[in-house]
Amino acid sequence: MSKVVRKQAHDVALLYAPTDDEKGVRYVRAKNGELQAGEVRPLAAGQSLCGLELVRMHPRAEMPCLYDVEVIHPAEESMRDMQGPAQVASDRYRRNWDATFGTNVNNDEKLAN
């Protein structure tokens, strides 16, 4: 009886330069025989991962800028079913709304029809 040996898919990234804002690092990644270029950034609390992968990178002892990549959460497609921009009320929008429309200070005041 022969053993079936499964070969692990290689997922390796070479980090080579900081991003323009210096908050991340650029990489070239070899995954399943394909080359990809991109950026890695630290995970931020409250930041959406929609369309992004969450990875853990393990440095190789023989080459400090070469990392084995472990995918913790694969990239998913957007769950939005609408076209166009997101409808988001930012803090700036709310401040301007209050400045424009405000609240009625005197509730007893009657408005004419």
PDB file of N, CA and C in Angstrom:
ATOM      1  N   MET A   1       0.854  -1.177   0.000  1.00  0.00           N
ATOM      2  CA  MET A   1       0.000   0.000   0.000  1.00  0.00           C
ATOM      3  C   MET A   1       0.899   1.239   0.000  1.00  0.00           C
ATOM      4  N   SER A   2       0.656   2.146  -0.914  1.00  0.00           N
ATOM      5  CA  SER A   2       1.481   3.350  -0.996  1.00  0.00           C
ATOM      6  C   SER A   2       0.789   4.521  -0.309  1.00  0.00           C
ATOM      7  N   LYS A   3       1.593   5.372   0.262  1.00  0.00           N
ATOM      8  CA  LYS A   3       1.059   6.565   0.919  1.00  0.00           C
ATOM      9  C   LYS A   3       0.841   7.657  -0.109  1.00  0.00           C
ATOM     10  N   VAL A   4      -0.242   8.383   0.058  1.00  0.00           N
ATOM     11  CA  VAL A   4      -0.498   9.537  -0.792  1.00  0.00           C
ATOM     12  C   VAL A   4       0.076  10.753  -0.088  1.00  0.00           C
ATOM     13  N   VAL A   5       1.017  11.393  -0.732  1.00  0.00           N
ATOM     14  CA  VAL A   5       1.651  12.574  -0.148  1.00  0.00           C
ATOM     15  C   VAL A   5       1.118  13.795  -0.875  1.00  0.00           C
ATOM     16  N   ARG A   6       0.517  14.673  -0.134  1.00  0.00           N
ATOM     17  CA  ARG A   6       0.011  15.923  -0.710  1.00  0.00           C
ATOM     18  C   ARG A   6       1.057  17.005  -0.540  1.00  0.00           C
ATOM     19  N   LYS A   7       1.337  17.649  -1.624  1.00  0.00           N
ATOM     20  CA  LYS A   7       2.304  18.738  -1.582  1.00  0.00           C
ATOM     21  C   LYS A   7       1.587  20.017  -1.173  1.00  0.00           C
ATOM     22  N   GLN A   8       2.126  20.678  -0.177  1.00  0.00           N
ATOM     23  CA  GLN A   8       1.557  21.942   0.277  1.00  0.00           C
ATOM     24  C   GLN A   8       1.744  23.005  -0.806  1.00  0.00           C
ATOM     25  N   ALA A   9       0.720  23.787  -1.023  1.00  0.00           N
ATOM     26  CA  ALA A   9       0.830  24.903  -1.965  1.00  0.00           C
ATOM     27  C   ALA A   9       1.752  25.954  -1.359  1.00  0.00           C
ATOM     28  N   HIS A  10       2.654  26.475  -2.172  1.00  0.00           N
ATOM     29  CA  HIS A  10       3.588  27.493  -1.684  1.00  0.00           C
ATOM     30  C   HIS A  10       2.928  28.861  -1.760  1.00  0.00           C
ATOM     31  N   ASP A  11       3.058  29.601  -0.688  1.00  0.00           N
ATOM     32  CA  ASP A  11       2.551  30.969  -0.620  1.00  0.00           C
ATOM     33  C   ASP A  11       3.634  31.776   0.074  1.00  0.00           C
ATOM     34  N   VAL A  12       4.420  32.486  -0.715  1.00  0.00           N
ATOM     35  CA  VAL A  12       5.598  33.181  -0.206  1.00  0.00           C
ATOM     36  C   VAL A  12       5.555  34.633  -0.668  1.00  0.00           C
ATOM     37  N   ALA A  13       5.950  35.550   0.221  1.00  0.00           N
ATOM     38  CA  ALA A  13       5.980  36.976  -0.116  1.00  0.00           C
ATOM     39  C   ALA A  13       7.372  37.540   0.142  1.00  0.00           C
ATOM     40  N   LEU A  14       7.820  38.379  -0.781  1.00  0.00           N
ATOM     41  CA  LEU A  14       9.082  39.090  -0.641  1.00  0.00           C
ATOM     42  C   LEU A  14       8.746  40.553  -0.386  1.00  0.00           C
ATOM     43  N   LEU A  15       9.052  41.039   0.822  1.00  0.00           N
ATOM     44  CA  LEU A  15       8.796  42.439   1.174  1.00  0.00           C
ATOM     45  C   LEU A  15       9.990  43.264   0.708  1.00  0.00           C
ATOM     46  N   TYR A  16       9.697  44.405   0.019  1.00  0.00           N
ATOM     47  CA  TYR A  16      10.831  45.124  -0.562  1.00  0.00           C
ATOM     48  C   TYR A  16      10.851  46.627  -0.330  1.00  0.00           C
ATOM     49  N   ALA A  17       9.729  47.284   0.007  1.00  0.00           N
ATOM     50  CA  ALA A  17       9.769  48.745   0.173  1.00  0.00           C
ATOM     51  C   ALA A  17       8.571  49.205   0.993  1.00  0.00           C
ATOM     52  N   PRO A  18       8.729  50.307   1.733  1.00  0.00           N
ATOM     53  CA  PRO A  18       7.569  50.849   2.451  1.00  0.00           C
ATOM     54  C   PRO A  18       6.581  51.487   1.475  1.00  0.00           C
ATOM     55  N   THR A  19       5.327  51.581   1.888  1.00  0.00           N
ATOM     56  CA  THR A  19       4.314  52.266   1.085  1.00  0.00           C
ATOM     57  C   THR A  19       4.574  53.771   1.148  1.00  0.00           C
ATOM     58  N   ASP A  20       3.910  54.531   0.299  1.00  0.00           N
ATOM     59  CA  ASP A  20       4.126  55.982   0.257  1.00  0.00           C
ATOM     60  C   ASP A  20       3.827  56.649   1.593  1.00  0.00           C
ATOM     61  N   ASP A  21       2.794  56.159   2.310  1.00  0.00           N
ATOM     62  CA  ASP A  21       2.451  56.749   3.603  1.00  0.00           C
ATOM     63  C   ASP A  21       3.233  56.121   4.756  1.00  0.00           C
ATOM     64  N   GLU A  22       4.108  55.173   4.451  1.00  0.00           N
ATOM     65  CA  GLU A  22       4.960  54.478   5.418  1.00  0.00           C
ATOM     66  C   GLU A  22       4.178  53.739   6.501  1.00  0.00           C
ATOM     67  N   LYS A  23       2.929  53.386   6.221  1.00  0.00           N
ATOM     68  CA  LYS A  23       2.120  52.622   7.177  1.00  0.00           C
ATOM     69  C   LYS A  23       2.031  51.150   6.786  1.00  0.00           C
ATOM     70  N   GLY A  24       2.599  50.799   5.656  1.00  0.00           N
ATOM     71  CA  GLY A  24       2.575  49.428   5.172  1.00  0.00           C
ATOM     72  C   GLY A  24       3.848  49.123   4.411  1.00  0.00           C
ATOM     73  N   VAL A  25       3.883  47.916   3.821  1.00  0.00           N
ATOM     74  CA  VAL A  25       5.052  47.471   3.070  1.00  0.00           C
ATOM     75  C   VAL A  25       4.583  46.874   1.746  1.00  0.00           C
ATOM     76  N   ARG A  26       5.307  47.162   0.679  1.00  0.00           N
ATOM     77  CA  ARG A  26       5.008  46.580  -0.630  1.00  0.00           C
ATOM     78  C   ARG A  26       5.617  45.183  -0.708  1.00  0.00           C
ATOM     79  N   TYR A  27       4.976  44.319  -1.503  1.00  0.00           N
ATOM     80  CA  TYR A  27       5.477  42.954  -1.637  1.00  0.00           C
ATOM     81  C   TYR A  27       5.269  42.421  -3.050  1.00  0.00           C
ATOM     82  N   VAL A  28       6.015  41.363  -3.354  1.00  0.00           N
ATOM     83  CA  VAL A  28       5.772  40.505  -4.511  1.00  0.00           C
ATOM     84  C   VAL A  28       5.487  39.146  -3.907  1.00  0.00           C
ATOM     85  N   ARG A  29       4.373  38.535  -4.319  1.00  0.00           N
ATOM     86  CA  ARG A  29       3.914  37.296  -3.699  1.00  0.00           C
ATOM     87  C   ARG A  29       3.786  36.204  -4.758  1.00  0.00           C
ATOM     88  N   ALA A  30       4.305  35.030  -4.443  1.00  0.00           N
ATOM     89  CA  ALA A  30       4.152  33.855  -5.297  1.00  0.00           C
ATOM     90  C   ALA A  30       3.155  32.936  -4.604  1.00  0.00           C
ATOM     91  N   LYS A  31       1.993  32.765  -5.246  1.00  0.00           N
ATOM     92  CA  LYS A  31       0.931  31.947  -4.656  1.00  0.00           C
ATOM     93  C   LYS A  31       0.383  31.025  -5.736  1.00  0.00           C
ATOM     94  N   ASN A  32       0.497  29.728  -5.507  1.00  0.00           N
ATOM     95  CA  ASN A  32      -0.005  28.715  -6.443  1.00  0.00           C
ATOM     96  C   ASN A  32       0.499  28.943  -7.868  1.00  0.00           C
ATOM     97  N   GLY A  33       1.773  29.287  -8.004  1.00  0.00           N
ATOM     98  CA  GLY A  33       2.367  29.461  -9.318  1.00  0.00           C
ATOM     99  C   GLY A  33       2.092  30.795  -9.984  1.00  0.00           C
ATOM    100  N   GLU A  34       1.414  31.706  -9.315  1.00  0.00           N
ATOM    101  CA  GLU A  34       1.126  33.029  -9.873  1.00  0.00           C
ATOM    102  C   GLU A  34       1.865  34.092  -9.066  1.00  0.00           C
ATOM    103  N   LEU A  35       2.296  35.145  -9.747  1.00  0.00           N
ATOM    104  CA  LEU A  35       2.932  36.274  -9.069  1.00  0.00           C
ATOM    105  C   LEU A  35       1.923  37.392  -8.878  1.00  0.00           C
ATOM    106  N   GLN A  36       1.950  37.989  -7.695  1.00  0.00           N
ATOM    107  CA  GLN A  36       1.075  39.113  -7.370  1.00  0.00           C
ATOM    108  C   GLN A  36       1.933  40.213  -6.761  1.00  0.00           C
ATOM    109  N   ALA A  37       1.542  41.444  -6.978  1.00  0.00           N
ATOM    110  CA  ALA A  37       2.192  42.578  -6.326  1.00  0.00           C
ATOM    111  C   ALA A  37       1.131  43.290  -5.505  1.00  0.00           C
ATOM    112  N   GLY A  38       1.510  43.784  -4.347  1.00  0.00           N
ATOM    113  CA  GLY A  38       0.535  44.474  -3.515  1.00  0.00           C
ATOM    114  C   GLY A  38       1.174  45.099  -2.299  1.00  0.00           C
ATOM    115  N   GLU A  39       0.332  45.351  -1.297  1.00  0.00           N
ATOM    116  CA  GLU A  39       0.770  45.973  -0.048  1.00  0.00           C
ATOM    117  C   GLU A  39       0.219  45.187   1.122  1.00  0.00           C
ATOM    118  N   VAL A  40       0.975  45.136   2.197  1.00  0.00           N
ATOM    119  CA  VAL A  40       0.475  44.608   3.466  1.00  0.00           C
ATOM    120  C   VAL A  40       0.472  45.757   4.457  1.00  0.00           C
ATOM    121  N   ARG A  41      -0.546  45.746   5.303  1.00  0.00           N
ATOM    122  CA  ARG A  41      -0.691  46.789   6.324  1.00  0.00           C
ATOM    123  C   ARG A  41      -1.123  46.140   7.627  1.00  0.00           C
ATOM    124  N   PRO A  42      -0.815  46.776   8.750  1.00  0.00           N
ATOM    125  CA  PRO A  42      -1.266  46.235  10.031  1.00  0.00           C
ATOM    126  C   PRO A  42      -2.790  46.243  10.106  1.00  0.00           C
ATOM    127  N   LEU A  43      -3.316  45.301  10.837  1.00  0.00           N
ATOM    128  CA  LEU A  43      -4.755  45.218  11.051  1.00  0.00           C
ATOM    129  C   LEU A  43      -5.189  46.372  11.947  1.00  0.00           C
ATOM    130  N   ALA A  44      -6.267  47.059  11.572  1.00  0.00           N
ATOM    131  CA  ALA A  44      -6.781  48.187  12.354  1.00  0.00           C
ATOM    132  C   ALA A  44      -8.162  47.835  12.892  1.00  0.00           C
ATOM    133  N   ALA A  45      -8.392  48.110  14.164  1.00  0.00           N
ATOM    134  CA  ALA A  45      -9.686  47.823  14.785  1.00  0.00           C
ATOM    135  C   ALA A  45     -10.792  48.586  14.078  1.00  0.00           C
ATOM    136  N   GLY A  46     -11.864  47.894  13.757  1.00  0.00           N
ATOM    137  CA  GLY A  46     -13.019  48.521  13.139  1.00  0.00           C
ATOM    138  C   GLY A  46     -12.933  48.667  11.631  1.00  0.00           C
ATOM    139  N   GLN A  47     -11.794  48.322  11.039  1.00  0.00           N
ATOM    140  CA  GLN A  47     -11.633  48.448   9.593  1.00  0.00           C
ATOM    141  C   GLN A  47     -12.260  47.245   8.903  1.00  0.00           C
ATOM    142  N   SER A  48     -13.012  47.494   7.855  1.00  0.00           N
ATOM    143  CA  SER A  48     -13.659  46.432   7.092  1.00  0.00           C
ATOM    144  C   SER A  48     -12.624  45.608   6.341  1.00  0.00           C
ATOM    145  N   LEU A  49     -12.836  44.287   6.309  1.00  0.00           N
ATOM    146  CA  LEU A  49     -11.972  43.403   5.547  1.00  0.00           C
ATOM    147  C   LEU A  49     -12.622  42.980   4.240  1.00  0.00           C
ATOM    148  N   CYS A  50     -13.714  43.610   3.899  1.00  0.00           N
ATOM    149  CA  CYS A  50     -14.454  43.243   2.695  1.00  0.00           C
ATOM    150  C   CYS A  50     -13.545  43.362   1.473  1.00  0.00           C
ATOM    151  N   GLY A  51     -13.346  42.261   0.783  1.00  0.00           N
ATOM    152  CA  GLY A  51     -12.501  42.249  -0.401  1.00  0.00           C
ATOM    153  C   GLY A  51     -11.019  42.123  -0.100  1.00  0.00           C
ATOM    154  N   LEU A  52     -10.648  42.001   1.173  1.00  0.00           N
ATOM    155  CA  LEU A  52      -9.245  41.906   1.563  1.00  0.00           C
ATOM    156  C   LEU A  52      -8.970  40.579   2.256  1.00  0.00           C
ATOM    157  N   GLU A  53      -7.729  40.125   2.176  1.00  0.00           N
ATOM    158  CA  GLU A  53      -7.298  38.926   2.886  1.00  0.00           C
ATOM    159  C   GLU A  53      -6.696  39.326   4.221  1.00  0.00           C
ATOM    160  N   LEU A  54      -6.902  38.491   5.212  1.00  0.00           N
ATOM    161  CA  LEU A  54      -6.219  38.643   6.490  1.00  0.00           C
ATOM    162  C   LEU A  54      -5.162  37.553   6.522  1.00  0.00           C
ATOM    163  N   VAL A  55      -3.907  37.953   6.624  1.00  0.00           N
ATOM    164  CA  VAL A  55      -2.811  36.984   6.567  1.00  0.00           C
ATOM    165  C   VAL A  55      -1.899  37.123   7.775  1.00  0.00           C
ATOM    166  N   ARG A  56      -1.193  36.036   8.062  1.00  0.00           N
ATOM    167  CA  ARG A  56      -0.127  36.043   9.065  1.00  0.00           C
ATOM    168  C   ARG A  56       1.141  35.711   8.297  1.00  0.00           C
ATOM    169  N   MET A  57       2.190  36.466   8.540  1.00  0.00           N
ATOM    170  CA  MET A  57       3.434  36.272   7.801  1.00  0.00           C
ATOM    171  C   MET A  57       4.512  35.747   8.739  1.00  0.00           C
ATOM    172  N   HIS A  58       5.142  34.642   8.318  1.00  0.00           N
ATOM    173  CA  HIS A  58       6.190  33.997   9.106  1.00  0.00           C
ATOM    174  C   HIS A  58       7.533  34.211   8.404  1.00  0.00           C
ATOM    175  N   PRO A  59       8.471  34.934   9.042  1.00  0.00           N
ATOM    176  CA  PRO A  59       9.758  35.196   8.390  1.00  0.00           C
ATOM    177  C   PRO A  59      10.587  33.917   8.250  1.00  0.00           C
ATOM    178  N   ARG A  60      11.361  33.850   7.185  1.00  0.00           N
ATOM    179  CA  ARG A  60      12.274  32.729   6.978  1.00  0.00           C
ATOM    180  C   ARG A  60      13.638  33.103   7.551  1.00  0.00           C
ATOM    181  N   ALA A  61      14.241  32.166   8.255  1.00  0.00           N
ATOM    182  CA  ALA A  61      15.519  32.428   8.917  1.00  0.00           C
ATOM    183  C   ALA A  61      16.633  32.723   7.914  1.00  0.00           C
ATOM    184  N   GLU A  62      16.606  32.045   6.761  1.00  0.00           N
ATOM    185  CA  GLU A  62      17.707  32.199   5.805  1.00  0.00           C
ATOM    186  C   GLU A  62      17.657  33.505   5.011  1.00  0.00           C
ATOM    187  N   MET A  63      16.483  34.163   4.994  1.00  0.00           N
ATOM    188  CA  MET A  63      16.364  35.428   4.252  1.00  0.00           C
ATOM    189  C   MET A  63      15.340  36.306   4.959  1.00  0.00           C
ATOM    190  N   PRO A  64      15.772  37.368   5.655  1.00  0.00           N
ATOM    191  CA  PRO A  64      14.876  38.159   6.503  1.00  0.00           C
ATOM    192  C   PRO A  64      13.713  38.838   5.786  1.00  0.00           C
ATOM    193  N   CYS A  65      13.823  39.129   4.491  1.00  0.00           N
ATOM    194  CA  CYS A  65      12.729  39.822   3.803  1.00  0.00           C
ATOM    195  C   CYS A  65      11.785  38.856   3.079  1.00  0.00           C
ATOM    196  N   LEU A  66      11.987  37.536   3.238  1.00  0.00           N
ATOM    197  CA  LEU A  66      11.140  36.522   2.621  1.00  0.00           C
ATOM    198  C   LEU A  66      10.253  35.902   3.695  1.00  0.00           C
ATOM    199  N   TYR A  67       8.947  35.857   3.435  1.00  0.00           N
ATOM    200  CA  TYR A  67       7.982  35.388   4.425  1.00  0.00           C
ATOM    201  C   TYR A  67       7.091  34.296   3.850  1.00  0.00           C
ATOM    202  N   ASP A  68       6.789  33.290   4.668  1.00  0.00           N
ATOM    203  CA  ASP A  68       5.745  32.326   4.338  1.00  0.00           C
ATOM    204  C   ASP A  68       4.429  32.965   4.748  1.00  0.00           C
ATOM    205  N   VAL A  69       3.432  32.897   3.869  1.00  0.00           N
ATOM    206  CA  VAL A  69       2.152  33.559   4.108  1.00  0.00           C
ATOM    207  C   VAL A  69       1.111  32.526   4.510  1.00  0.00           C
ATOM    208  N   GLU A  70       0.454  32.776   5.629  1.00  0.00           N
ATOM    209  CA  GLU A  70      -0.652  31.940   6.098  1.00  0.00           C
ATOM    210  C   GLU A  70      -1.926  32.781   5.981  1.00  0.00           C
ATOM    211  N   VAL A  71      -2.882  32.317   5.188  1.00  0.00           N
ATOM    212  CA  VAL A  71      -4.138  33.043   5.011  1.00  0.00           C
ATOM    213  C   VAL A  71      -5.068  32.676   6.163  1.00  0.00           C
ATOM    214  N   ILE A  72      -5.423  33.663   6.975  1.00  0.00           N
ATOM    215  CA  ILE A  72      -6.322  33.449   8.108  1.00  0.00           C
ATOM    216  C   ILE A  72      -7.768  33.627   7.672  1.00  0.00           C
ATOM    217  N   HIS A  73      -8.008  34.658   6.864  1.00  0.00           N
ATOM    218  CA  HIS A  73      -9.362  34.933   6.356  1.00  0.00           C
ATOM    219  C   HIS A  73      -9.242  35.283   4.876  1.00  0.00           C
ATOM    220  N   PRO A  74      -9.799  34.439   3.989  1.00  0.00           N
ATOM    221  CA  PRO A  74      -9.679  34.728   2.554  1.00  0.00           C
ATOM    222  C   PRO A  74     -10.503  35.945   2.145  1.00  0.00           C
ATOM    223  N   ALA A  75     -10.108  36.551   1.045  1.00  0.00           N
ATOM    224  CA  ALA A  75     -10.839  37.713   0.518  1.00  0.00           C
ATOM    225  C   ALA A  75     -12.218  37.269   0.055  1.00  0.00           C
ATOM    226  N   GLU A  76     -13.214  38.076   0.348  1.00  0.00           N
ATOM    227  CA  GLU A  76     -14.583  37.785  -0.069  1.00  0.00           C
ATOM    228  C   GLU A  76     -15.070  38.908  -0.962  1.00  0.00           C
ATOM    229  N   GLU A  77     -16.033  38.582  -1.804  1.00  0.00           N
ATOM    230  CA  GLU A  77     -16.623  39.610  -2.652  1.00  0.00           C
ATOM    231  C   GLU A  77     -17.534  40.496  -1.820  1.00  0.00           C
ATOM    232  N   SER A  78     -17.752  41.690  -2.309  1.00  0.00           N
ATOM    233  CA  SER A  78     -18.618  42.645  -1.634  1.00  0.00           C
ATOM    234  C   SER A  78     -20.022  42.082  -1.497  1.00  0.00           C
ATOM    235  N   MET A  79     -20.665  42.358  -0.381  1.00  0.00           N
ATOM    236  CA  MET A  79     -22.018  41.883  -0.142  1.00  0.00           C
ATOM    237  C   MET A  79     -23.052  42.900  -0.605  1.00  0.00           C
ATOM    238  N   ARG A  80     -22.602  44.050  -1.144  1.00  0.00           N
ATOM    239  CA  ARG A  80     -23.532  45.075  -1.609  1.00  0.00           C
ATOM    240  C   ARG A  80     -24.209  44.614  -2.882  1.00  0.00           C
ATOM    241  N   ASP A  81     -25.494  44.832  -2.983  1.00  0.00           N
ATOM    242  CA  ASP A  81     -26.213  44.481  -4.198  1.00  0.00           C
ATOM    243  C   ASP A  81     -26.657  45.722  -4.966  1.00  0.00           C
ATOM    244  N   MET A  82     -26.190  46.890  -4.543  1.00  0.00           N
ATOM    245  CA  MET A  82     -26.578  48.138  -5.197  1.00  0.00           C
ATOM    246  C   MET A  82     -25.403  48.685  -5.996  1.00  0.00           C
ATOM    247  N   GLN A  83     -25.721  49.497  -6.973  1.00  0.00           N
ATOM    248  CA  GLN A  83     -24.690  50.200  -7.733  1.00  0.00           C
ATOM    249  C   GLN A  83     -24.555  51.607  -7.161  1.00  0.00           C
ATOM    250  N   GLY A  84     -23.424  52.222  -7.374  1.00  0.00           N
ATOM    251  CA  GLY A  84     -23.228  53.589  -6.918  1.00  0.00           C
ATOM    252  C   GLY A  84     -22.501  53.649  -5.591  1.00  0.00           C
ATOM    253  N   PRO A  85     -22.260  54.858  -5.116  1.00  0.00           N
ATOM    254  CA  PRO A  85     -21.493  55.029  -3.881  1.00  0.00           C
ATOM    255  C   PRO A  85     -22.288  54.609  -2.647  1.00  0.00           C
ATOM    256  N   ALA A  86     -21.556  54.300  -1.595  1.00  0.00           N
ATOM    257  CA  ALA A  86     -22.192  53.946  -0.328  1.00  0.00           C
ATOM    258  C   ALA A  86     -22.904  55.164   0.244  1.00  0.00           C
ATOM    259  N   GLN A  87     -24.019  54.956   0.884  1.00  0.00           N
ATOM    260  CA  GLN A  87     -24.762  56.036   1.525  1.00  0.00           C
ATOM    261  C   GLN A  87     -24.311  56.103   2.985  1.00  0.00           C
ATOM    262  N   VAL A  88     -23.389  56.985   3.253  1.00  0.00           N
ATOM    263  CA  VAL A  88     -22.790  57.080   4.577  1.00  0.00           C
ATOM    264  C   VAL A  88     -22.972  58.488   5.119  1.00  0.00           C
ATOM    265  N   ALA A  89     -23.420  58.587   6.359  1.00  0.00           N
ATOM    266  CA  ALA A  89     -23.539  59.889   7.019  1.00  0.00           C
ATOM    267  C   ALA A  89     -22.313  60.062   7.910  1.00  0.00           C
ATOM    268  N   SER A  90     -21.369  60.871   7.469  1.00  0.00           N
ATOM    269  CA  SER A  90     -20.143  61.103   8.228  1.00  0.00           C
ATOM    270  C   SER A  90     -20.391  62.149   9.319  1.00  0.00           C
ATOM    271  N   ASP A  91     -19.408  62.309  10.202  1.00  0.00           N
ATOM    272  CA  ASP A  91     -19.506  63.331  11.252  1.00  0.00           C
ATOM    273  C   ASP A  91     -19.609  64.726  10.635  1.00  0.00           C
ATOM    274  N   ARG A  92     -18.854  64.972   9.572  1.00  0.00           N
ATOM    275  CA  ARG A  92     -18.907  66.273   8.898  1.00  0.00           C
ATOM    276  C   ARG A  92     -20.306  66.526   8.329  1.00  0.00           C
ATOM    277  N   TYR A  93     -20.922  65.519   7.738  1.00  0.00           N
ATOM    278  CA  TYR A  93     -22.280  65.634   7.196  1.00  0.00           C
ATOM    279  C   TYR A  93     -23.262  65.975   8.317  1.00  0.00           C
ATOM    280  N   ARG A  94     -23.138  65.287   9.454  1.00  0.00           N
ATOM    281  CA  ARG A  94     -24.054  65.534  10.579  1.00  0.00           C
ATOM    282  C   ARG A  94     -23.892  66.950  11.132  1.00  0.00           C
ATOM    283  N   ARG A  95     -22.630  67.423  11.249  1.00  0.00           N
ATOM    284  CA  ARG A  95     -22.395  68.787  11.740  1.00  0.00           C
ATOM    285  C   ARG A  95     -23.024  69.802  10.794  1.00  0.00           C
ATOM    286  N   ASN A  96     -22.841  69.616   9.508  1.00  0.00           N
ATOM    287  CA  ASN A  96     -23.420  70.542   8.531  1.00  0.00           C
ATOM    288  C   ASN A  96     -24.937  70.476   8.541  1.00  0.00           C
ATOM    289  N   TRP A  97     -25.500  69.304   8.746  1.00  0.00           N
ATOM    290  CA  TRP A  97     -26.959  69.154   8.821  1.00  0.00           C
ATOM    291  C   TRP A  97     -27.487  69.988   9.988  1.00  0.00           C
ATOM    292  N   ASP A  98     -26.841  69.836  11.151  1.00  0.00           N
ATOM    293  CA  ASP A  98     -27.272  70.590  12.329  1.00  0.00           C
ATOM    294  C   ASP A  98     -27.097  72.090  12.119  1.00  0.00           C
ATOM    295  N   ALA A  99     -26.019  72.497  11.472  1.00  0.00           N
ATOM    296  CA  ALA A  99     -25.793  73.922  11.226  1.00  0.00           C
ATOM    297  C   ALA A  99     -26.827  74.482  10.259  1.00  0.00           C
ATOM    298  N   THR A 100     -27.232  73.687   9.295  1.00  0.00           N
ATOM    299  CA  THR A 100     -28.198  74.148   8.293  1.00  0.00           C
ATOM    300  C   THR A 100     -29.621  74.116   8.814  1.00  0.00           C
ATOM    301  N   PHE A 101     -30.017  72.987   9.359  1.00  0.00           N
ATOM    302  CA  PHE A 101     -31.411  72.809   9.752  1.00  0.00           C
ATOM    303  C   PHE A 101     -31.637  73.003  11.247  1.00  0.00           C
ATOM    304  N   GLY A 102     -30.600  72.742  12.044  1.00  0.00           N
ATOM    305  CA  GLY A 102     -30.650  72.973  13.486  1.00  0.00           C
ATOM    306  C   GLY A 102     -31.883  72.414  14.171  1.00  0.00           C
ATOM    307  N   THR A 103     -31.930  72.594  15.462  1.00  0.00           N
ATOM    308  CA  THR A 103     -33.105  72.199  16.228  1.00  0.00           C
ATOM    309  C   THR A 103     -33.802  73.454  16.706  1.00  0.00           C
ATOM    310  N   ASN A 104     -35.081  73.391  16.853  1.00  0.00           N
ATOM    311  CA  ASN A 104     -35.875  74.529  17.302  1.00  0.00           C
ATOM    312  C   ASN A 104     -35.674  74.689  18.805  1.00  0.00           C
ATOM    313  N   VAL A 105     -35.063  75.806  19.217  1.00  0.00           N
ATOM    314  CA  VAL A 105     -34.780  76.051  20.629  1.00  0.00           C
ATOM    315  C   VAL A 105     -36.068  76.295  21.400  1.00  0.00           C
ATOM    316  N   ASN A 106     -36.981  77.074  20.824  1.00  0.00           N
ATOM    317  CA  ASN A 106     -38.234  77.404  21.492  1.00  0.00           C
ATOM    318  C   ASN A 106     -39.345  76.529  20.906  1.00  0.00           C
ATOM    319  N   ASN A 107     -39.706  75.473  21.624  1.00  0.00           N
ATOM    320  CA  ASN A 107     -40.722  74.540  21.138  1.00  0.00           C
ATOM    321  C   ASN A 107     -42.121  75.140  21.169  1.00  0.00           C
ATOM    322  N   ASP A 108     -42.332  76.226  21.947  1.00  0.00           N
ATOM    323  CA  ASP A 108     -43.654  76.833  22.048  1.00  0.00           C
ATOM    324  C   ASP A 108     -43.959  77.725  20.842  1.00  0.00           C
ATOM    325  N   GLU A 109     -42.930  78.089  20.105  1.00  0.00           N
ATOM    326  CA  GLU A 109     -43.124  78.975  18.964  1.00  0.00           C
ATOM    327  C   GLU A 109     -43.890  78.239  17.860  1.00  0.00           C
ATOM    328  N   LYS A 110     -44.924  78.849  17.362  1.00  0.00           N
ATOM    329  CA  LYS A 110     -45.740  78.254  16.301  1.00  0.00           C
ATOM    330  C   LYS A 110     -45.257  78.787  14.961  1.00  0.00           C
ATOM    331  N   LEU A 111     -45.194  77.917  14.001  1.00  0.00           N
ATOM    332  CA  LEU A 111     -44.802  78.320  12.659  1.00  0.00           C
ATOM    333  C   LEU A 111     -46.043  78.501  11.804  1.00  0.00           C
ATOM    334  N   ALA A 112     -46.001  79.482  10.919  1.00  0.00           N
ATOM    335  CA  ALA A 112     -47.127  79.719  10.014  1.00  0.00           C
ATOM    336  C   ALA A 112     -47.145  78.647   8.940  1.00  0.00           C
ATOM    337  N   ASN A 113     -48.375  78.323   8.488  1.00  0.00           N
ATOM    338  CA  ASN A 113     -48.495  77.317   7.426  1.00  0.00           C
ATOM    339  C   ASN A 113     -48.273  77.965   6.103  1.00  0.00           C
TER     340      ASN A 113
END
